[in-house]
Amino acid sequence: MKRQQHVVKREDGWAVKSTGNSRDTAHVKTQKEAIEIAREIAINQRCEVIIHSEDGKIRDSDSYGNDPCPPRDKKY
């Protein structure tokens, strides 16, 4: 299973939840704090951060290693 860190909305704040875990890894007041925590974990684990909006839809994602589709270098 591909390891990912999800930033998701909770009733009283935001959480970081790892794919496959039943419990949140972290729980904080703001989305910004959750993104920072998820990014640190993703850098250490060389995985992906998936950021969800308040309605649960994916808003953004970033990969920190093991990217199956890395960006190509631009040639001018």
N, C-alpha and C. Protein backbone atom coordinates (compact mmCIF):
# COMPACT_ATOMS: atom_id res chain seq x y z
N MET A 1 0.84 -1.18 0.00
CA MET A 1 0.00 0.00 0.00
C MET A 1 0.89 1.25 0.00
N LYS A 2 0.52 2.21 -0.81
CA LYS A 2 1.26 3.46 -0.91
C LYS A 2 1.02 4.30 0.35
N ARG A 3 2.09 4.74 0.97
CA ARG A 3 2.01 5.53 2.20
C ARG A 3 1.72 6.98 1.84
N GLN A 4 0.72 7.59 2.48
CA GLN A 4 0.37 8.98 2.26
C GLN A 4 -0.02 9.62 3.59
N GLN A 5 0.21 10.91 3.70
CA GLN A 5 -0.21 11.68 4.85
C GLN A 5 -1.36 12.59 4.39
N HIS A 6 -2.52 12.43 4.99
CA HIS A 6 -3.70 13.21 4.62
C HIS A 6 -3.95 14.31 5.65
N VAL A 7 -4.22 15.52 5.17
CA VAL A 7 -4.63 16.63 6.03
C VAL A 7 -6.14 16.74 5.86
N VAL A 8 -6.87 16.49 6.96
CA VAL A 8 -8.34 16.42 6.89
C VAL A 8 -8.99 17.26 7.98
N LYS A 9 -10.19 17.75 7.69
CA LYS A 9 -10.96 18.57 8.62
C LYS A 9 -11.62 17.69 9.67
N ARG A 10 -11.59 18.15 10.90
CA ARG A 10 -12.30 17.52 12.00
C ARG A 10 -13.24 18.56 12.62
N GLU A 11 -14.16 18.14 13.47
CA GLU A 11 -15.13 19.06 14.07
C GLU A 11 -14.47 20.24 14.77
N ASP A 12 -13.40 19.97 15.48
CA ASP A 12 -12.76 21.02 16.27
C ASP A 12 -11.36 21.39 15.79
N GLY A 13 -11.07 21.16 14.52
CA GLY A 13 -9.76 21.54 13.99
C GLY A 13 -9.39 20.73 12.76
N TRP A 14 -8.12 20.44 12.64
CA TRP A 14 -7.58 19.70 11.50
C TRP A 14 -6.73 18.56 12.00
N ALA A 15 -6.63 17.51 11.20
CA ALA A 15 -5.85 16.33 11.59
C ALA A 15 -4.93 15.89 10.47
N VAL A 16 -3.87 15.20 10.87
CA VAL A 16 -2.99 14.50 9.94
C VAL A 16 -3.27 13.02 10.17
N LYS A 17 -3.57 12.32 9.08
CA LYS A 17 -3.91 10.90 9.17
C LYS A 17 -3.14 10.15 8.09
N SER A 18 -2.45 9.11 8.49
CA SER A 18 -1.68 8.31 7.56
C SER A 18 -2.57 7.25 6.92
N THR A 19 -2.37 7.01 5.64
CA THR A 19 -3.11 5.97 4.93
C THR A 19 -2.95 4.64 5.66
N GLY A 20 -4.06 3.98 5.90
CA GLY A 20 -4.03 2.68 6.55
C GLY A 20 -4.15 2.72 8.06
N ASN A 21 -4.00 3.90 8.68
CA ASN A 21 -4.14 4.01 10.13
C ASN A 21 -5.58 4.35 10.50
N SER A 22 -6.04 3.78 11.58
CA SER A 22 -7.41 4.08 12.02
C SER A 22 -7.47 5.33 12.90
N ARG A 23 -6.32 5.73 13.46
CA ARG A 23 -6.28 6.91 14.32
C ARG A 23 -5.50 8.04 13.67
N ASP A 24 -5.83 9.28 14.06
CA ASP A 24 -5.09 10.43 13.57
C ASP A 24 -3.68 10.43 14.14
N THR A 25 -2.72 10.88 13.35
CA THR A 25 -1.34 11.02 13.80
C THR A 25 -1.20 12.28 14.63
N ALA A 26 -1.87 13.35 14.22
CA ALA A 26 -1.82 14.63 14.93
C ALA A 26 -3.16 15.33 14.80
N HIS A 27 -3.45 16.19 15.77
CA HIS A 27 -4.69 16.96 15.75
C HIS A 27 -4.35 18.37 16.21
N VAL A 28 -4.64 19.38 15.35
CA VAL A 28 -4.28 20.77 15.63
C VAL A 28 -5.44 21.70 15.29
N LYS A 29 -5.30 22.97 15.61
CA LYS A 29 -6.37 23.95 15.40
C LYS A 29 -6.50 24.41 13.95
N THR A 30 -5.36 24.58 13.24
CA THR A 30 -5.42 25.16 11.90
C THR A 30 -4.93 24.19 10.82
N GLN A 31 -5.40 24.42 9.60
CA GLN A 31 -4.96 23.61 8.47
C GLN A 31 -3.47 23.84 8.21
N LYS A 32 -3.02 25.07 8.38
CA LYS A 32 -1.61 25.40 8.15
C LYS A 32 -0.71 24.56 9.06
N GLU A 33 -1.07 24.44 10.33
CA GLU A 33 -0.30 23.62 11.27
C GLU A 33 -0.29 22.16 10.83
N ALA A 34 -1.45 21.66 10.41
CA ALA A 34 -1.56 20.27 9.98
C ALA A 34 -0.70 20.01 8.74
N ILE A 35 -0.69 20.95 7.82
CA ILE A 35 0.12 20.81 6.60
C ILE A 35 1.60 20.75 6.96
N GLU A 36 2.05 21.60 7.88
CA GLU A 36 3.46 21.60 8.29
C GLU A 36 3.85 20.26 8.92
N ILE A 37 2.99 19.72 9.77
CA ILE A 37 3.27 18.43 10.40
C ILE A 37 3.29 17.32 9.35
N ALA A 38 2.30 17.31 8.47
CA ALA A 38 2.23 16.29 7.42
C ALA A 38 3.45 16.36 6.51
N ARG A 39 3.90 17.56 6.19
CA ARG A 39 5.07 17.74 5.32
C ARG A 39 6.32 17.17 6.00
N GLU A 40 6.51 17.44 7.29
CA GLU A 40 7.67 16.90 8.01
C GLU A 40 7.67 15.37 7.99
N ILE A 41 6.52 14.79 8.25
CA ILE A 41 6.40 13.32 8.23
C ILE A 41 6.69 12.79 6.83
N ALA A 42 6.13 13.44 5.81
CA ALA A 42 6.31 12.99 4.42
C ALA A 42 7.77 13.07 3.99
N ILE A 43 8.47 14.11 4.42
CA ILE A 43 9.89 14.23 4.09
C ILE A 43 10.66 13.09 4.72
N ASN A 44 10.37 12.79 5.99
CA ASN A 44 11.07 11.69 6.68
C ASN A 44 10.74 10.33 6.08
N GLN A 45 9.49 10.14 5.68
CA GLN A 45 9.07 8.84 5.14
C GLN A 45 9.16 8.76 3.62
N ARG A 46 9.56 9.87 2.98
CA ARG A 46 9.65 9.95 1.52
C ARG A 46 8.33 9.50 0.88
N CYS A 47 7.26 10.21 1.26
CA CYS A 47 5.94 9.86 0.75
C CYS A 47 5.18 11.12 0.31
N GLU A 48 3.89 11.02 0.18
CA GLU A 48 3.06 12.08 -0.39
C GLU A 48 2.15 12.70 0.67
N VAL A 49 1.91 14.02 0.52
CA VAL A 49 0.94 14.73 1.37
C VAL A 49 -0.28 15.03 0.51
N ILE A 50 -1.45 14.66 1.00
CA ILE A 50 -2.72 14.95 0.32
C ILE A 50 -3.47 15.94 1.21
N ILE A 51 -3.75 17.12 0.69
CA ILE A 51 -4.44 18.15 1.45
C ILE A 51 -5.90 18.21 1.00
N HIS A 52 -6.80 18.02 1.96
CA HIS A 52 -8.23 18.05 1.68
C HIS A 52 -8.81 19.39 2.11
N SER A 53 -9.82 19.85 1.39
CA SER A 53 -10.53 21.07 1.77
C SER A 53 -11.54 20.71 2.86
N GLU A 54 -12.25 21.72 3.37
CA GLU A 54 -13.22 21.48 4.45
C GLU A 54 -14.31 20.49 4.05
N ASP A 55 -14.65 20.44 2.76
CA ASP A 55 -15.71 19.51 2.32
C ASP A 55 -15.18 18.10 2.00
N GLY A 56 -13.89 17.89 2.23
CA GLY A 56 -13.31 16.57 2.05
C GLY A 56 -12.68 16.31 0.69
N LYS A 57 -12.90 17.21 -0.26
CA LYS A 57 -12.31 17.04 -1.59
C LYS A 57 -10.82 17.34 -1.55
N ILE A 58 -10.08 16.67 -2.42
CA ILE A 58 -8.64 16.91 -2.49
C ILE A 58 -8.40 18.29 -3.09
N ARG A 59 -7.64 19.10 -2.36
CA ARG A 59 -7.34 20.47 -2.76
C ARG A 59 -5.96 20.57 -3.38
N ASP A 60 -5.02 19.76 -2.87
CA ASP A 60 -3.64 19.84 -3.33
C ASP A 60 -2.90 18.58 -2.89
N SER A 61 -1.77 18.33 -3.51
CA SER A 61 -0.91 17.23 -3.08
C SER A 61 0.53 17.56 -3.42
N ASP A 62 1.44 17.02 -2.62
CA ASP A 62 2.88 17.20 -2.84
C ASP A 62 3.57 15.88 -2.56
N SER A 63 4.58 15.57 -3.37
CA SER A 63 5.34 14.34 -3.19
C SER A 63 6.73 14.68 -2.67
N TYR A 64 7.20 13.90 -1.71
CA TYR A 64 8.51 14.11 -1.12
C TYR A 64 9.36 12.85 -1.25
N GLY A 65 9.55 12.41 -2.47
CA GLY A 65 10.35 11.22 -2.74
C GLY A 65 9.49 10.12 -3.31
N ASN A 66 10.14 9.21 -4.03
CA ASN A 66 9.45 8.07 -4.64
C ASN A 66 8.30 8.49 -5.54
N ASP A 67 8.43 9.60 -6.22
CA ASP A 67 7.38 10.10 -7.10
C ASP A 67 7.35 9.27 -8.38
N PRO A 68 6.23 8.59 -8.68
CA PRO A 68 6.16 7.76 -9.88
C PRO A 68 6.16 8.57 -11.17
N CYS A 69 5.82 9.84 -11.08
CA CYS A 69 5.79 10.72 -12.26
C CYS A 69 6.50 12.04 -11.94
N PRO A 70 7.82 12.00 -11.79
CA PRO A 70 8.54 13.24 -11.44
C PRO A 70 8.44 14.26 -12.57
N PRO A 71 8.49 15.55 -12.25
CA PRO A 71 8.42 16.56 -13.30
C PRO A 71 9.66 16.50 -14.20
N ARG A 72 9.45 16.78 -15.45
CA ARG A 72 10.55 16.77 -16.40
C ARG A 72 11.28 18.10 -16.35
N ASP A 73 12.57 18.06 -16.60
CA ASP A 73 13.35 19.30 -16.67
C ASP A 73 12.94 20.05 -17.93
N LYS A 74 12.75 21.35 -17.78
CA LYS A 74 12.41 22.17 -18.94
C LYS A 74 13.67 22.44 -19.75
N LYS A 75 13.56 22.32 -21.06
CA LYS A 75 14.67 22.62 -21.94
C LYS A 75 14.27 23.80 -22.80
N TYR A 76 15.08 24.81 -22.75
CA TYR A 76 14.78 26.05 -23.49
C TYR A 76 15.57 26.12 -24.75
